[in-house]
Amino acid sequence: QVQLVESGGGLVQPGGSLRLPCAASGTIFSINVMGWYRQAPGKEREMVATITSGGNTNYAESVKGRFTISRDNAKNTVYLQMNSLKPEDTAVYYCYGYFGMTYWGKGTLVTVSS
């Protein structure tokens, strides 16, 4: 079993920045994928960014150039640095992990509004 715990959400003004950490605990395989998905009101959950244990990254087109995903394998933690935030980035952000099977965090709300 793996537990994923997110933090770092909140209210930010358009153009602002936030960093979302997600820490994994439990049975962590050395080869894995972690990342972030989001779900806005009335919309389906969508991939934001993922990163493999080897450091390969993948981003949604809508966040390329604004968001950066990184990880600290020693701490089993993944980070999402979000810059130049827009109102359309408002959503619940879910930490994702694949450790032989898929796991989800409980989510953290990010609200971009003036």
C-alpha atoms as a PDB file:
ATOM      1  CA  GLN A   1       0.000   0.000   0.000  1.00  0.00           C
ATOM      2  CA  VAL A   2       1.051   3.581  -0.728  1.00  0.00           C
ATOM      3  CA  GLN A   3      -0.232   6.781   0.793  1.00  0.00           C
ATOM      4  CA  LEU A   4       0.024  10.103  -1.021  1.00  0.00           C
ATOM      5  CA  VAL A   5      -0.329  13.330   0.955  1.00  0.00           C
ATOM      6  CA  GLU A   6      -0.596  16.673  -0.819  1.00  0.00           C
ATOM      7  CA  SER A   7      -0.191  20.163   0.593  1.00  0.00           C
ATOM      8  CA  GLY A   8       0.359  23.693  -0.632  1.00  0.00           C
ATOM      9  CA  GLY A   9      -2.998  24.616  -2.124  1.00  0.00           C
ATOM     10  CA  GLY A  10      -4.764  27.900  -1.489  1.00  0.00           C
ATOM     11  CA  LEU A  11      -5.925  31.174  -2.949  1.00  0.00           C
ATOM     12  CA  VAL A  12      -3.598  33.075  -5.259  1.00  0.00           C
ATOM     13  CA  GLN A  13      -4.048  36.058  -7.542  1.00  0.00           C
ATOM     14  CA  PRO A  14      -3.722  35.731 -11.309  1.00  0.00           C
ATOM     15  CA  GLY A  15      -0.071  35.846 -12.280  1.00  0.00           C
ATOM     16  CA  GLY A  16       0.990  34.473  -8.918  1.00  0.00           C
ATOM     17  CA  SER A  17       2.803  31.286  -7.975  1.00  0.00           C
ATOM     18  CA  LEU A  18       2.243  28.240  -5.798  1.00  0.00           C
ATOM     19  CA  ARG A  19       4.236  25.089  -5.091  1.00  0.00           C
ATOM     20  CA  LEU A  20       2.465  21.823  -4.397  1.00  0.00           C
ATOM     21  CA  PRO A  21       4.411  19.064  -2.646  1.00  0.00           C
ATOM     22  CA  CYS A  22       3.205  15.472  -2.461  1.00  0.00           C
ATOM     23  CA  ALA A  23       4.885  12.932  -0.223  1.00  0.00           C
ATOM     24  CA  ALA A  24       4.560   9.199  -0.779  1.00  0.00           C
ATOM     25  CA  SER A  25       4.887   6.638   1.983  1.00  0.00           C
ATOM     26  CA  GLY A  26       4.477   2.897   2.203  1.00  0.00           C
ATOM     27  CA  THR A  27       5.736   0.278  -0.232  1.00  0.00           C
ATOM     28  CA  ILE A  28       7.585   2.381  -2.789  1.00  0.00           C
ATOM     29  CA  PHE A  29       9.060   0.620  -5.798  1.00  0.00           C
ATOM     30  CA  SER A  30      12.242   2.182  -7.129  1.00  0.00           C
ATOM     31  CA  ILE A  31      10.784   2.344 -10.633  1.00  0.00           C
ATOM     32  CA  ASN A  32       7.612   4.396 -10.608  1.00  0.00           C
ATOM     33  CA  VAL A  33       5.748   7.401 -11.923  1.00  0.00           C
ATOM     34  CA  MET A  34       4.417  10.305  -9.894  1.00  0.00           C
ATOM     35  CA  GLY A  35       2.562  13.373 -10.955  1.00  0.00           C
ATOM     36  CA  TRP A  36      -0.396  15.694 -10.702  1.00  0.00           C
ATOM     37  CA  TYR A  37      -3.867  15.689 -12.168  1.00  0.00           C
ATOM     38  CA  ARG A  38      -6.572  18.304 -11.665  1.00  0.00           C
ATOM     39  CA  GLN A  39     -10.324  18.530 -11.803  1.00  0.00           C
ATOM     40  CA  ALA A  40     -12.147  21.794 -12.276  1.00  0.00           C
ATOM     41  CA  PRO A  41     -15.846  22.185 -11.388  1.00  0.00           C
ATOM     42  CA  GLY A  42     -18.008  20.475 -13.986  1.00  0.00           C
ATOM     43  CA  LYS A  43     -15.029  19.033 -15.851  1.00  0.00           C
ATOM     44  CA  GLU A  44     -13.273  15.700 -16.030  1.00  0.00           C
ATOM     45  CA  ARG A  45     -10.015  15.016 -14.256  1.00  0.00           C
ATOM     46  CA  GLU A  46      -7.049  15.804 -16.519  1.00  0.00           C
ATOM     47  CA  MET A  47      -3.342  15.162 -16.427  1.00  0.00           C
ATOM     48  CA  VAL A  48      -1.237  18.197 -15.528  1.00  0.00           C
ATOM     49  CA  ALA A  49       2.285  16.768 -15.319  1.00  0.00           C
ATOM     50  CA  THR A  50       4.042  13.498 -14.607  1.00  0.00           C
ATOM     51  CA  ILE A  51       7.605  12.499 -13.862  1.00  0.00           C
ATOM     52  CA  THR A  52       9.216   9.071 -13.849  1.00  0.00           C
ATOM     53  CA  SER A  53      11.709   7.858 -11.286  1.00  0.00           C
ATOM     54  CA  GLY A  54      14.316   8.384 -14.010  1.00  0.00           C
ATOM     55  CA  GLY A  55      13.348  12.030 -14.367  1.00  0.00           C
ATOM     56  CA  ASN A  56      11.408  11.956 -17.635  1.00  0.00           C
ATOM     57  CA  THR A  57       8.621  14.529 -17.611  1.00  0.00           C
ATOM     58  CA  ASN A  58       5.352  15.035 -19.448  1.00  0.00           C
ATOM     59  CA  TYR A  59       3.146  18.143 -19.356  1.00  0.00           C
ATOM     60  CA  ALA A  60      -0.297  19.124 -20.499  1.00  0.00           C
ATOM     61  CA  GLU A  61      -0.111  21.673 -23.308  1.00  0.00           C
ATOM     62  CA  SER A  62      -2.049  24.181 -21.228  1.00  0.00           C
ATOM     63  CA  VAL A  63       0.663  24.348 -18.547  1.00  0.00           C
ATOM     64  CA  LYS A  64       3.846  24.031 -20.602  1.00  0.00           C
ATOM     65  CA  GLY A  65       6.225  26.881 -19.864  1.00  0.00           C
ATOM     66  CA  ARG A  66       4.368  27.813 -16.669  1.00  0.00           C
ATOM     67  CA  PHE A  67       4.471  24.682 -14.493  1.00  0.00           C
ATOM     68  CA  THR A  68       7.492  22.607 -13.554  1.00  0.00           C
ATOM     69  CA  ILE A  69       7.396  19.148 -12.005  1.00  0.00           C
ATOM     70  CA  SER A  70      10.322  17.780 -10.047  1.00  0.00           C
ATOM     71  CA  ARG A  71      10.991  15.065  -7.510  1.00  0.00           C
ATOM     72  CA  ASP A  72      13.254  14.115  -4.653  1.00  0.00           C
ATOM     73  CA  ASN A  73      13.603  10.338  -4.824  1.00  0.00           C
ATOM     74  CA  ALA A  74      15.330  10.171  -1.440  1.00  0.00           C
ATOM     75  CA  LYS A  75      12.229  11.745   0.131  1.00  0.00           C
ATOM     76  CA  ASN A  76       9.698  10.070  -2.211  1.00  0.00           C
ATOM     77  CA  THR A  77       8.288  13.533  -2.819  1.00  0.00           C
ATOM     78  CA  VAL A  78       7.121  15.184  -6.017  1.00  0.00           C
ATOM     79  CA  TYR A  79       6.704  18.932  -6.435  1.00  0.00           C
ATOM     80  CA  LEU A  80       4.631  21.007  -8.829  1.00  0.00           C
ATOM     81  CA  GLN A  81       5.867  24.573  -9.183  1.00  0.00           C
ATOM     82  CA  MET A  82       3.085  26.649 -10.707  1.00  0.00           C
ATOM     83  CA  ASN A  83       3.934  30.099 -12.061  1.00  0.00           C
ATOM     84  CA  SER A  84       1.922  32.661 -14.027  1.00  0.00           C
ATOM     85  CA  LEU A  85      -1.281  31.174 -12.675  1.00  0.00           C
ATOM     86  CA  LYS A  86      -4.523  31.863 -14.512  1.00  0.00           C
ATOM     87  CA  PRO A  87      -8.146  31.693 -13.329  1.00  0.00           C
ATOM     88  CA  GLU A  88      -8.595  28.628 -15.533  1.00  0.00           C
ATOM     89  CA  ASP A  89      -6.006  26.820 -13.404  1.00  0.00           C
ATOM     90  CA  THR A  90      -8.550  26.813 -10.571  1.00  0.00           C
ATOM     91  CA  ALA A  91      -9.199  23.183  -9.653  1.00  0.00           C
ATOM     92  CA  VAL A  92      -8.669  20.463  -7.114  1.00  0.00           C
ATOM     93  CA  TYR A  93      -5.175  19.117  -7.717  1.00  0.00           C
ATOM     94  CA  TYR A  94      -4.625  15.423  -7.077  1.00  0.00           C
ATOM     95  CA  CYS A  95      -1.300  13.752  -6.528  1.00  0.00           C
ATOM     96  CA  TYR A  96      -0.887  10.611  -8.640  1.00  0.00           C
ATOM     97  CA  GLY A  97       1.446   7.713  -8.168  1.00  0.00           C
ATOM     98  CA  TYR A  98       2.020   4.468 -10.015  1.00  0.00           C
ATOM     99  CA  PHE A  99       3.836   1.920  -7.880  1.00  0.00           C
ATOM    100  CA  GLY A 100       2.764  -1.282  -9.542  1.00  0.00           C
ATOM    101  CA  MET A 101      -0.784   0.018  -9.302  1.00  0.00           C
ATOM    102  CA  THR A 102      -2.354   3.470  -9.300  1.00  0.00           C
ATOM    103  CA  TYR A 103      -2.745   5.549  -6.170  1.00  0.00           C
ATOM    104  CA  TRP A 104      -4.338   8.967  -5.606  1.00  0.00           C
ATOM    105  CA  GLY A 105      -4.044  11.607  -2.945  1.00  0.00           C
ATOM    106  CA  LYS A 106      -7.137  13.248  -1.471  1.00  0.00           C
ATOM    107  CA  GLY A 107      -6.579  16.469  -3.392  1.00  0.00           C
ATOM    108  CA  THR A 108      -5.801  20.086  -2.582  1.00  0.00           C
ATOM    109  CA  LEU A 109      -7.794  23.059  -3.816  1.00  0.00           C
ATOM    110  CA  VAL A 110      -6.078  25.764  -5.832  1.00  0.00           C
ATOM    111  CA  THR A 111      -8.111  28.909  -6.472  1.00  0.00           C
ATOM    112  CA  VAL A 112      -6.797  31.589  -8.802  1.00  0.00           C
ATOM    113  CA  SER A 113      -8.822  34.737  -8.375  1.00  0.00           C
ATOM    114  CA  SER A 114      -8.456  38.431  -7.763  1.00  0.00           C
END
